[in-house]
Amino acid sequence: MLAAPPHQGRPYSLRRRLMIASMAAFALLIAVLSVSLWTYAASAANRTYDLLLRGAAIAILERITVTPEGIDIDLPPSALEILTLDDDDRVFYRVLDAQGTTLTGTPDLPAEGLFERPLPLQEPVFFDSPYSGETVRFVVYGRTLLSAEKPQWIGVQVGQTRLARNAMRKDLILKGLVPLAALSIAGVAMARAGIGLAMRPLAGIERDIRERQSNDLQPLGAAPPREVESLITAINGFMRRLDLSRGQAESFIADVAHQMRSSLATLYGHLEYAGEGGEQGAAAVARAREQARRTVRLTNQLLSHAMVIHRADKGMFQSVDLAELVRRLLEEILRDDKAGAVDFAVELPPDGFAPRVEGDAIAIREALRNLVDNALRHGPVDNQITLRVSPTRLAGRPAFEIAVDDAGPGIADADKPRVVERFYTRGPGGGSGIGLAIVVAVAESHKGRFDLRDRAPAGLSATITLPETPPPDAGAGR
């Protein structure tokens, strides 16, 4: 009993990944909203209390006048009362001139270098600065007063600790975070529900596959979500190719079993008569020897056909130089001394033009070898065989023809569609009926074409046409 291979690491969960991704997105959204809320709360609190600071400064400025005796400051109590509504906050103020000299109020309030540059005339200046052990928000606001001698700039600096505005900011943030928290919880719950709904069709597809019989290769009938539609289409395509491959294998095995039984039964029958002796026995021995030769050839071609089909399913494609392949094949035929008195010739494109295709060199060579064997078997003793490679086009695409031309009797038009079928033979010496079936399988696996054409005045041209670059699905399961 074979043990299942161990998993290479724990398989990941799509549901968990989607959940983590959605929660990360919610966390990022909440973080952005929280930062925005913090910024808004701080800005709102500052704007509110800055208006109060500015109002207090304006109220004080309106009660400052220039008299012949000097500057008259009538500080209104109401100007600072609104800033002291919070019992914990403290308020500071001073009135100063253009040189920064304090005319009244707290003299050591920080000025942040305001009097080292041109003074503001009408626009208030706000800044935060540590003072008296706390961070204090200050405003400096001034205006130019007219007098008998010359215009004089008078400024008011008012400060307030940040306790009230910080409390306001925290209150705004807390009131905003409650809806955000509720939104987060609702979002996570909706994400979980949405992921569950999205995974439900996948669960149905999984159940469909799990409950099928091993021989049920019908396409999946479920309507998948758009995101996995291409995956289901690929699975259905693979199942169709697998079903086709299985059907071809079953048909091939059945044909092989029948042919081998018939051939071996015939061989056994001849051997039975061989023991009788005399001329009849000698004739039986000769027939048995010929049948054994035919059985060996049939076995070799069956194995060759199985190899071609297997390599077609694997899609072992690479760049193939057809000229070099034809030369090597011819050298092998001449070396094996199977040509006899046959005259061989080779016609290739001119030098500098390499006829290359994307394909399986072993399968193409096997197909050509079968075509040459057929030409040798069916041609006359003084046969003339030409291996020809020439450029052409196939379905509008660049292609190459690889032809084996002979001077034999040819094939009748009525027999041409049938000779490419497996185990079809023409008469007692017609061979195994596998050779041309192998050629057709090689042409189809390369998205090419196989043709049988008569030659004038006599002979046959067996031509394989292969595209220079096959379509993207070439080499996939057939």
Protein backbone atom coordinates (compact mmCIF):
# COMPACT_ATOMS: atom_id res chain seq x y z
CA MET A 1 0.00 0.00 0.00
CA LEU A 2 1.43 3.34 -1.05
CA ALA A 3 1.54 6.05 1.57
CA ALA A 4 0.32 9.51 0.67
CA PRO A 5 3.15 12.03 0.27
CA PRO A 6 3.52 14.33 3.26
CA HIS A 7 2.34 17.91 2.93
CA GLN A 8 5.06 20.45 2.32
CA GLY A 9 3.98 22.71 5.16
CA ARG A 10 0.49 23.37 6.40
CA PRO A 11 -1.93 24.43 3.63
CA TYR A 12 -3.14 27.99 3.99
CA SER A 13 -6.78 28.92 4.56
CA LEU A 14 -8.38 31.19 1.96
CA ARG A 15 -11.08 32.12 4.48
CA ARG A 16 -8.41 33.11 7.03
CA ARG A 17 -6.51 35.14 4.45
CA LEU A 18 -9.63 37.01 3.38
CA MET A 19 -10.53 37.63 7.01
CA ILE A 20 -7.06 38.92 7.85
CA ALA A 21 -7.05 41.13 4.75
CA SER A 22 -10.48 42.58 5.56
CA MET A 23 -9.56 43.17 9.20
CA ALA A 24 -6.31 44.83 8.15
CA ALA A 25 -8.27 47.08 5.80
CA PHE A 26 -10.71 47.96 8.60
CA ALA A 27 -7.84 48.60 11.00
CA LEU A 28 -6.18 50.91 8.48
CA LEU A 29 -9.49 52.71 7.89
CA ILE A 30 -10.09 53.11 11.63
CA ALA A 31 -6.53 54.39 12.10
CA VAL A 32 -7.00 56.98 9.35
CA LEU A 33 -10.36 58.03 10.77
CA SER A 34 -8.91 58.21 14.28
CA VAL A 35 -6.06 60.44 13.15
CA SER A 36 -8.53 62.61 11.26
CA LEU A 37 -10.78 62.75 14.32
CA TRP A 38 -7.84 63.68 16.57
CA THR A 39 -6.81 66.45 14.17
CA TYR A 40 -10.36 67.75 13.86
CA ALA A 41 -10.93 67.72 17.65
CA ALA A 42 -7.67 69.59 18.30
CA SER A 43 -8.44 72.11 15.57
CA ALA A 44 -12.04 72.64 16.79
CA ALA A 45 -10.94 73.16 20.39
CA ASN A 46 -8.22 75.61 19.33
CA ARG A 47 -10.56 77.58 17.07
CA THR A 48 -13.19 77.88 19.83
CA TYR A 49 -10.84 79.07 22.56
CA ASP A 50 -8.74 81.16 20.16
CA LEU A 51 -11.88 83.14 19.40
CA LEU A 52 -12.32 83.74 23.12
CA LEU A 53 -8.68 84.86 23.46
CA ARG A 54 -9.02 87.20 20.50
CA GLY A 55 -12.31 88.59 21.87
CA ALA A 56 -10.66 89.31 25.23
CA ALA A 57 -7.74 91.08 23.50
CA ILE A 58 -10.13 93.18 21.39
CA ALA A 59 -12.19 94.11 24.47
CA ILE A 60 -9.04 95.35 26.23
CA LEU A 61 -7.79 97.21 23.14
CA GLU A 62 -11.08 99.07 22.81
CA ARG A 63 -10.64 100.53 26.33
CA ILE A 64 -7.13 101.92 25.64
CA THR A 65 -6.94 105.55 24.58
CA VAL A 66 -4.27 108.23 24.14
CA THR A 67 -4.69 111.39 26.25
CA PRO A 68 -2.48 114.49 26.60
CA GLU A 69 -1.25 113.00 29.84
CA GLY A 70 -0.33 109.66 28.12
CA ILE A 71 -1.94 106.29 27.53
CA ASP A 72 -5.12 105.64 29.48
CA ILE A 73 -5.89 101.96 30.16
CA ASP A 74 -9.35 101.15 31.50
CA LEU A 75 -9.26 97.37 31.87
CA PRO A 76 -12.83 95.99 31.63
CA PRO A 77 -13.40 93.11 34.12
CA SER A 78 -15.68 91.32 31.63
CA ALA A 79 -12.82 90.93 29.16
CA LEU A 80 -11.19 88.14 31.17
CA GLU A 81 -14.21 86.72 32.95
CA ILE A 82 -15.22 84.54 29.99
CA LEU A 83 -11.75 82.93 30.00
CA THR A 84 -12.06 81.99 33.67
CA LEU A 85 -15.30 80.02 33.39
CA ASP A 86 -13.24 76.87 33.98
CA ASP A 87 -12.03 77.01 37.59
CA ASP A 88 -8.82 75.10 36.76
CA ASP A 89 -7.64 77.42 34.00
CA ARG A 90 -5.50 80.47 34.70
CA VAL A 91 -5.45 83.68 32.65
CA PHE A 92 -2.53 86.06 32.09
CA TYR A 93 -2.39 89.42 30.34
CA ARG A 94 -0.32 92.49 29.73
CA VAL A 95 -0.44 95.71 27.72
CA LEU A 96 2.80 96.63 25.94
CA ASP A 97 4.20 99.16 23.49
CA ALA A 98 6.14 98.75 20.26
CA GLN A 99 9.43 98.07 22.11
CA GLY A 100 7.89 95.29 24.16
CA THR A 101 7.81 97.37 27.32
CA THR A 102 5.00 96.28 29.64
CA LEU A 103 2.65 99.14 30.46
CA THR A 104 0.45 97.05 32.77
CA GLY A 105 -0.12 93.41 33.60
CA THR A 106 2.36 90.53 34.04
CA PRO A 107 5.70 91.75 32.65
CA ASP A 108 7.53 88.41 32.09
CA LEU A 109 5.11 86.77 29.68
CA PRO A 110 6.97 85.03 26.79
CA ALA A 111 6.93 86.95 23.51
CA GLU A 112 8.41 84.26 21.17
CA GLY A 113 10.59 86.87 19.44
CA LEU A 114 7.64 88.96 18.26
CA PHE A 115 9.45 92.22 18.94
CA GLU A 116 12.54 91.18 16.99
CA ARG A 117 10.62 91.51 13.69
CA PRO A 118 8.02 93.97 12.32
CA LEU A 119 5.05 94.09 14.64
CA PRO A 120 1.57 92.97 13.51
CA LEU A 121 -0.80 95.82 12.90
CA GLN A 122 -4.23 94.27 12.59
CA GLU A 123 -3.83 90.45 12.55
CA PRO A 124 -3.54 88.51 15.82
CA VAL A 125 -0.63 86.14 16.42
CA PHE A 126 -1.26 82.90 18.35
CA PHE A 127 1.40 80.65 19.87
CA ASP A 128 1.92 78.09 22.63
CA SER A 129 4.68 78.55 25.15
CA PRO A 130 5.55 77.09 28.60
CA TYR A 131 4.92 79.50 31.42
CA SER A 132 4.50 79.12 35.16
CA GLY A 133 4.92 75.34 34.91
CA GLU A 134 2.22 74.81 32.29
CA THR A 135 1.68 75.13 28.57
CA VAL A 136 -0.15 78.36 27.89
CA ARG A 137 -1.88 79.52 24.71
CA PHE A 138 -1.14 83.20 23.97
CA VAL A 139 -2.46 85.78 21.56
CA VAL A 140 -0.79 89.09 20.75
CA TYR A 141 -3.07 91.65 19.14
CA GLY A 142 -2.40 95.33 18.61
CA ARG A 143 -3.42 98.44 16.80
CA THR A 144 -2.05 101.87 16.08
CA LEU A 145 -3.46 104.74 18.18
CA LEU A 146 -3.37 108.30 16.88
CA SER A 147 -2.03 111.06 19.15
CA ALA A 148 -1.05 114.72 18.82
CA GLU A 149 2.63 113.90 18.47
CA LYS A 150 2.80 110.70 16.36
CA PRO A 151 0.95 107.40 15.87
CA GLN A 152 1.78 104.83 18.51
CA TRP A 153 1.36 101.04 18.37
CA ILE A 154 -0.16 99.45 21.46
CA GLY A 155 -0.49 95.70 21.88
CA VAL A 156 -2.34 93.35 24.22
CA GLN A 157 -1.07 89.87 25.11
CA VAL A 158 -3.56 87.48 26.67
CA GLY A 159 -2.78 83.90 27.69
CA GLN A 160 -4.80 80.99 29.01
CA THR A 161 -3.74 77.54 30.18
CA ARG A 162 -4.88 74.66 27.98
CA LEU A 163 -6.89 72.65 30.51
CA ALA A 164 -10.33 73.61 29.20
CA ARG A 165 -9.45 73.22 25.54
CA ASN A 166 -7.73 69.87 26.19
CA ALA A 167 -10.85 68.68 27.98
CA MET A 168 -12.97 69.78 25.03
CA ARG A 169 -10.68 67.95 22.61
CA LYS A 170 -10.87 64.71 24.63
CA ASP A 171 -14.65 64.97 24.80
CA LEU A 172 -14.90 65.36 21.03
CA ILE A 173 -12.55 62.41 20.46
CA LEU A 174 -14.42 60.12 22.84
CA LYS A 175 -17.77 60.98 21.30
CA GLY A 176 -16.35 60.25 17.86
CA LEU A 177 -14.62 56.99 18.80
CA VAL A 178 -17.84 55.35 19.99
CA PRO A 179 -19.40 55.36 16.48
CA LEU A 180 -16.04 54.27 15.04
CA ALA A 181 -15.91 51.29 17.40
CA ALA A 182 -19.47 50.37 16.48
CA LEU A 183 -18.57 50.73 12.81
CA SER A 184 -15.57 48.43 13.28
CA ILE A 185 -17.61 45.71 14.97
CA ALA A 186 -20.31 45.94 12.32
CA GLY A 187 -17.69 45.89 9.56
CA VAL A 188 -15.98 42.76 10.92
CA ALA A 189 -19.35 41.01 11.26
CA MET A 190 -20.31 41.98 7.70
CA ALA A 191 -16.89 40.83 6.44
CA ARG A 192 -17.32 37.43 8.11
CA ALA A 193 -20.81 37.06 6.65
CA GLY A 194 -19.63 38.17 3.19
CA ILE A 195 -16.69 35.76 3.21
CA GLY A 196 -19.02 32.95 4.26
CA LEU A 197 -21.37 33.74 1.36
CA ALA A 198 -18.43 33.98 -1.05
CA MET A 199 -17.05 30.59 0.06
CA ARG A 200 -20.42 28.81 -0.24
CA PRO A 201 -20.17 28.21 -4.03
CA LEU A 202 -16.65 26.81 -3.54
CA ALA A 203 -18.01 24.39 -0.94
CA GLY A 204 -20.61 23.23 -3.47
CA ILE A 205 -17.92 22.68 -6.10
CA GLU A 206 -15.82 20.75 -3.57
CA ARG A 207 -18.79 18.54 -2.69
CA ASP A 208 -19.50 17.90 -6.39
CA ILE A 209 -15.93 16.70 -7.00
CA ARG A 210 -15.71 14.67 -3.77
CA GLU A 211 -18.95 12.75 -4.44
CA ARG A 212 -18.08 11.84 -8.05
CA GLN A 213 -17.12 8.39 -9.24
CA SER A 214 -13.57 7.95 -10.50
CA ASN A 215 -14.76 7.59 -14.10
CA ASP A 216 -17.02 10.66 -14.04
CA LEU A 217 -15.11 13.37 -15.92
CA GLN A 218 -18.07 15.54 -16.90
CA PRO A 219 -17.45 19.32 -16.59
CA LEU A 220 -18.46 20.99 -13.35
CA GLY A 221 -21.97 22.37 -13.70
CA ALA A 222 -21.81 24.93 -10.84
CA ALA A 223 -22.07 28.64 -11.62
CA PRO A 224 -18.84 29.91 -10.00
CA PRO A 225 -18.16 33.45 -8.78
CA ARG A 226 -16.39 35.69 -11.26
CA GLU A 227 -13.16 35.58 -9.24
CA VAL A 228 -12.80 31.78 -9.63
CA GLU A 229 -14.51 31.42 -13.00
CA SER A 230 -11.15 31.07 -14.80
CA LEU A 231 -10.10 28.38 -12.29
CA ILE A 232 -13.29 26.36 -12.88
CA THR A 233 -12.87 26.80 -16.64
CA ALA A 234 -9.30 25.49 -16.37
CA ILE A 235 -10.48 22.50 -14.29
CA ASN A 236 -13.22 21.72 -16.82
CA GLY A 237 -10.72 21.98 -19.67
CA PHE A 238 -8.34 19.64 -17.88
CA MET A 239 -11.17 17.14 -17.25
CA ARG A 240 -12.13 17.24 -20.94
CA ARG A 241 -8.53 16.60 -21.98
CA LEU A 242 -8.24 13.83 -19.40
CA ASP A 243 -11.47 12.23 -20.61
CA LEU A 244 -10.24 12.41 -24.22
CA SER A 245 -6.86 10.94 -23.24
CA ARG A 246 -8.54 8.17 -21.27
CA GLY A 247 -10.84 7.35 -24.20
CA GLN A 248 -7.88 7.23 -26.58
CA ALA A 249 -5.94 5.02 -24.19
CA GLU A 250 -8.87 2.64 -23.73
CA SER A 251 -9.42 2.41 -27.47
CA PHE A 252 -5.72 1.95 -28.10
CA ILE A 253 -5.40 -0.80 -25.48
CA ALA A 254 -8.43 -2.63 -26.87
CA ASP A 255 -7.04 -2.44 -30.41
CA VAL A 256 -3.59 -3.54 -29.26
CA ALA A 257 -5.00 -6.53 -27.37
CA HIS A 258 -7.01 -7.61 -30.41
CA GLN A 259 -4.10 -7.22 -32.83
CA MET A 260 -1.62 -8.99 -30.59
CA ARG A 261 -4.00 -11.91 -29.96
CA SER A 262 -4.66 -12.28 -33.69
CA SER A 263 -0.99 -12.09 -34.59
CA LEU A 264 0.11 -14.55 -31.92
CA ALA A 265 -2.75 -16.92 -32.76
CA THR A 266 -1.70 -16.87 -36.42
CA LEU A 267 1.93 -17.48 -35.44
CA TYR A 268 0.90 -20.41 -33.24
CA GLY A 269 -1.15 -21.92 -36.04
CA HIS A 270 1.80 -21.79 -38.45
CA LEU A 271 4.06 -23.39 -35.85
CA GLU A 272 1.56 -26.23 -35.39
CA TYR A 273 1.78 -27.09 -39.10
CA ALA A 274 5.57 -26.68 -39.10
CA GLY A 275 5.99 -30.00 -37.23
CA GLU A 276 4.47 -32.09 -40.03
CA GLY A 277 7.66 -32.04 -42.14
CA GLY A 278 7.97 -32.10 -45.91
CA GLU A 279 7.08 -29.27 -48.20
CA GLN A 280 3.99 -28.42 -46.19
CA GLY A 281 6.06 -28.11 -43.01
CA ALA A 282 8.70 -26.01 -44.76
CA ALA A 283 5.99 -23.70 -46.06
CA ALA A 284 4.54 -23.45 -42.54
CA VAL A 285 7.97 -22.58 -41.15
CA ALA A 286 8.36 -19.82 -43.75
CA ARG A 287 4.92 -18.47 -42.94
CA ALA A 288 5.71 -18.64 -39.19
CA ARG A 289 8.96 -16.76 -39.76
CA GLU A 290 7.15 -14.05 -41.73
CA GLN A 291 4.42 -13.85 -39.09
CA ALA A 292 7.04 -13.53 -36.34
CA ARG A 293 8.66 -10.70 -38.30
CA ARG A 294 5.29 -8.98 -38.67
CA THR A 295 4.57 -9.49 -34.94
CA VAL A 296 7.93 -7.95 -33.96
CA ARG A 297 7.29 -5.00 -36.27
CA LEU A 298 3.76 -4.61 -34.91
CA THR A 299 5.08 -4.65 -31.34
CA ASN A 300 7.77 -2.06 -32.13
CA GLN A 301 5.29 0.24 -33.83
CA LEU A 302 2.77 -0.11 -31.01
CA LEU A 303 5.46 0.91 -28.55
CA SER A 304 6.44 3.77 -30.85
CA HIS A 305 2.81 4.91 -31.08
CA ALA A 306 2.44 4.80 -27.28
CA MET A 307 5.66 6.81 -26.92
CA VAL A 308 4.43 9.47 -29.38
CA ILE A 309 1.10 9.80 -27.57
CA HIS A 310 2.86 10.02 -24.19
CA ARG A 311 5.27 12.72 -25.40
CA ALA A 312 2.37 14.64 -26.96
CA ASP A 313 0.63 14.72 -23.59
CA LYS A 314 3.83 15.97 -21.92
CA GLY A 315 4.35 18.74 -24.50
CA MET A 316 8.15 18.31 -24.71
CA PHE A 317 8.64 21.15 -27.19
CA GLN A 318 11.90 22.89 -28.04
CA SER A 319 13.55 24.48 -31.07
CA VAL A 320 14.13 21.83 -33.76
CA ASP A 321 16.40 22.27 -36.80
CA LEU A 322 14.56 20.30 -39.49
CA ALA A 323 17.52 20.28 -41.86
CA GLU A 324 19.81 18.71 -39.26
CA LEU A 325 17.08 16.22 -38.26
CA VAL A 326 16.63 15.08 -41.90
CA ARG A 327 20.38 14.68 -42.42
CA ARG A 328 20.79 12.55 -39.31
CA LEU A 329 17.82 10.37 -40.25
CA LEU A 330 19.24 9.72 -43.71
CA GLU A 331 22.65 8.88 -42.24
CA GLU A 332 21.00 6.36 -39.92
CA ILE A 333 19.06 4.70 -42.76
CA LEU A 334 22.17 4.38 -44.93
CA ARG A 335 24.24 3.12 -42.00
CA ASP A 336 21.69 0.39 -41.24
CA ASP A 337 21.93 -0.70 -44.92
CA LYS A 338 18.17 -0.86 -45.33
CA ALA A 339 18.12 1.21 -48.49
CA GLY A 340 19.34 -1.51 -50.87
CA ALA A 341 19.33 -0.17 -54.44
CA VAL A 342 17.11 2.77 -53.51
CA ASP A 343 18.36 6.18 -54.62
CA PHE A 344 18.02 8.80 -51.83
CA ALA A 345 18.04 12.57 -52.25
CA VAL A 346 17.62 15.53 -49.90
CA GLU A 347 16.21 18.96 -50.79
CA LEU A 348 16.71 21.66 -48.15
CA PRO A 349 16.36 25.45 -48.09
CA PRO A 350 19.46 27.38 -49.22
CA ASP A 351 22.38 27.85 -46.86
CA GLY A 352 21.89 30.61 -44.30
CA PHE A 353 18.20 29.82 -43.89
CA ALA A 354 17.63 27.44 -40.97
CA PRO A 355 14.20 25.75 -41.11
CA ARG A 356 13.30 25.67 -37.41
CA VAL A 357 10.06 24.79 -35.66
CA GLU A 358 9.02 24.54 -32.04
CA GLY A 359 8.32 20.87 -31.48
CA ASP A 360 9.39 17.45 -30.24
CA ALA A 361 12.43 16.31 -32.22
CA ILE A 362 12.05 12.65 -31.22
CA ALA A 363 8.38 12.50 -32.27
CA ILE A 364 9.06 14.28 -35.59
CA ARG A 365 11.96 11.92 -36.33
CA GLU A 366 9.76 8.89 -35.55
CA ALA A 367 7.08 10.15 -37.94
CA LEU A 368 9.61 10.68 -40.75
CA ARG A 369 11.14 7.26 -40.15
CA ASN A 370 7.73 5.66 -40.60
CA LEU A 371 7.17 7.56 -43.84
CA VAL A 372 10.55 6.41 -45.18
CA ASP A 373 9.83 2.79 -44.12
CA ASN A 374 6.49 2.92 -45.97
CA ALA A 375 8.19 4.29 -49.07
CA LEU A 376 10.80 1.51 -48.91
CA ARG A 377 8.22 -1.24 -48.38
CA HIS A 378 5.72 -0.23 -51.04
CA GLY A 379 8.12 1.15 -53.67
CA PRO A 380 9.92 -0.68 -56.47
CA VAL A 381 13.41 -2.11 -56.13
CA ASP A 382 14.92 0.86 -57.95
CA ASN A 383 12.86 3.34 -55.95
CA GLN A 384 13.83 7.00 -55.75
CA ILE A 385 13.07 8.62 -52.37
CA THR A 386 13.49 12.34 -51.74
CA LEU A 387 13.35 13.98 -48.30
CA ARG A 388 12.29 17.56 -48.87
CA VAL A 389 12.01 20.54 -46.46
CA SER A 390 10.48 23.78 -47.75
CA PRO A 391 8.80 26.88 -46.27
CA THR A 392 5.04 27.32 -46.59
CA ARG A 393 2.10 28.71 -44.63
CA LEU A 394 -0.48 27.00 -42.46
CA ALA A 395 -3.68 28.83 -41.45
CA GLY A 396 -2.00 32.14 -42.27
CA ARG A 397 1.07 31.40 -40.11
CA PRO A 398 4.65 30.64 -41.24
CA ALA A 399 5.21 26.88 -41.50
CA PHE A 400 7.47 24.21 -43.03
CA GLU A 401 6.66 21.16 -45.14
CA ILE A 402 8.60 17.95 -44.52
CA ALA A 403 7.87 15.63 -47.43
CA VAL A 404 8.90 12.09 -48.32
CA ASP A 405 8.49 11.60 -52.09
CA ASP A 406 8.77 8.16 -53.69
CA ALA A 407 8.35 6.53 -57.07
CA GLY A 408 6.03 3.76 -55.90
CA PRO A 409 2.54 2.83 -57.08
CA GLY A 410 0.89 5.41 -54.85
CA ILE A 411 -2.42 5.06 -53.01
CA ALA A 412 -5.86 5.05 -54.57
CA ASP A 413 -7.99 8.09 -53.74
CA ALA A 414 -10.60 5.85 -52.09
CA ASP A 415 -7.97 4.41 -49.73
CA LYS A 416 -6.26 7.69 -48.73
CA PRO A 417 -8.74 8.60 -45.94
CA ARG A 418 -8.52 5.05 -44.53
CA VAL A 419 -4.79 4.34 -44.56
CA VAL A 420 -4.22 6.80 -41.72
CA GLU A 421 -6.50 4.77 -39.43
CA ARG A 422 -4.93 2.41 -36.93
CA PHE A 423 -4.52 -1.23 -38.07
CA TYR A 424 -5.85 -0.60 -41.56
CA THR A 425 -3.75 -2.58 -44.04
CA ARG A 426 -3.80 -2.80 -47.84
CA GLY A 427 -3.53 -6.47 -48.69
CA PRO A 428 -1.38 -9.20 -47.15
CA GLY A 429 1.85 -7.22 -47.38
CA GLY A 430 0.40 -3.97 -46.23
CA GLY A 431 2.33 -3.74 -42.99
CA SER A 432 1.00 -3.32 -39.47
CA GLY A 433 -1.32 -0.41 -40.12
CA ILE A 434 0.34 1.70 -37.42
CA GLY A 435 2.94 3.77 -39.28
CA LEU A 436 0.70 6.44 -40.78
CA ALA A 437 -1.38 6.60 -37.59
CA ILE A 438 1.83 7.58 -35.78
CA VAL A 439 2.49 10.29 -38.40
CA VAL A 440 -1.04 11.70 -37.97
CA ALA A 441 -0.65 11.72 -34.15
CA VAL A 442 2.64 13.65 -34.43
CA ALA A 443 1.12 16.22 -36.83
CA GLU A 444 -1.91 16.75 -34.59
CA SER A 445 0.21 17.09 -31.45
CA HIS A 446 2.11 19.93 -33.19
CA LYS A 447 -1.10 21.60 -34.45
CA GLY A 448 0.03 20.69 -37.95
CA ARG A 449 -1.34 18.67 -40.85
CA PHE A 450 -0.59 15.44 -42.72
CA ASP A 451 -1.37 15.04 -46.43
CA LEU A 452 -1.01 12.30 -49.04
CA ARG A 453 -0.64 13.58 -52.63
CA ASP A 454 -0.08 11.78 -55.92
CA ARG A 455 3.02 12.66 -57.94
CA ALA A 456 3.32 12.84 -61.70
CA PRO A 457 3.93 10.65 -63.56
CA ALA A 458 3.94 8.15 -60.65
CA GLY A 459 4.62 8.00 -56.97
CA LEU A 460 3.36 9.44 -53.72
CA SER A 461 4.25 12.51 -51.66
CA ALA A 462 3.60 12.13 -47.90
CA THR A 463 3.83 15.60 -46.36
CA ILE A 464 3.86 16.78 -42.75
CA THR A 465 3.19 20.53 -42.37
CA LEU A 466 4.30 22.02 -39.03
CA PRO A 467 3.81 25.64 -37.91
CA GLU A 468 7.03 27.53 -37.28
CA THR A 469 5.70 28.62 -33.88
CA PRO A 470 2.69 26.57 -32.71
CA PRO A 471 -0.35 28.18 -31.07
CA PRO A 472 -0.13 28.70 -27.27
CA ASP A 473 -2.11 25.54 -26.50
CA ALA A 474 0.14 23.27 -28.59
CA GLY A 475 1.66 20.57 -26.49
CA ALA A 476 -1.30 20.50 -24.09
CA GLY A 477 -3.22 17.33 -23.49
CA ARG A 478 -4.93 16.13 -26.65
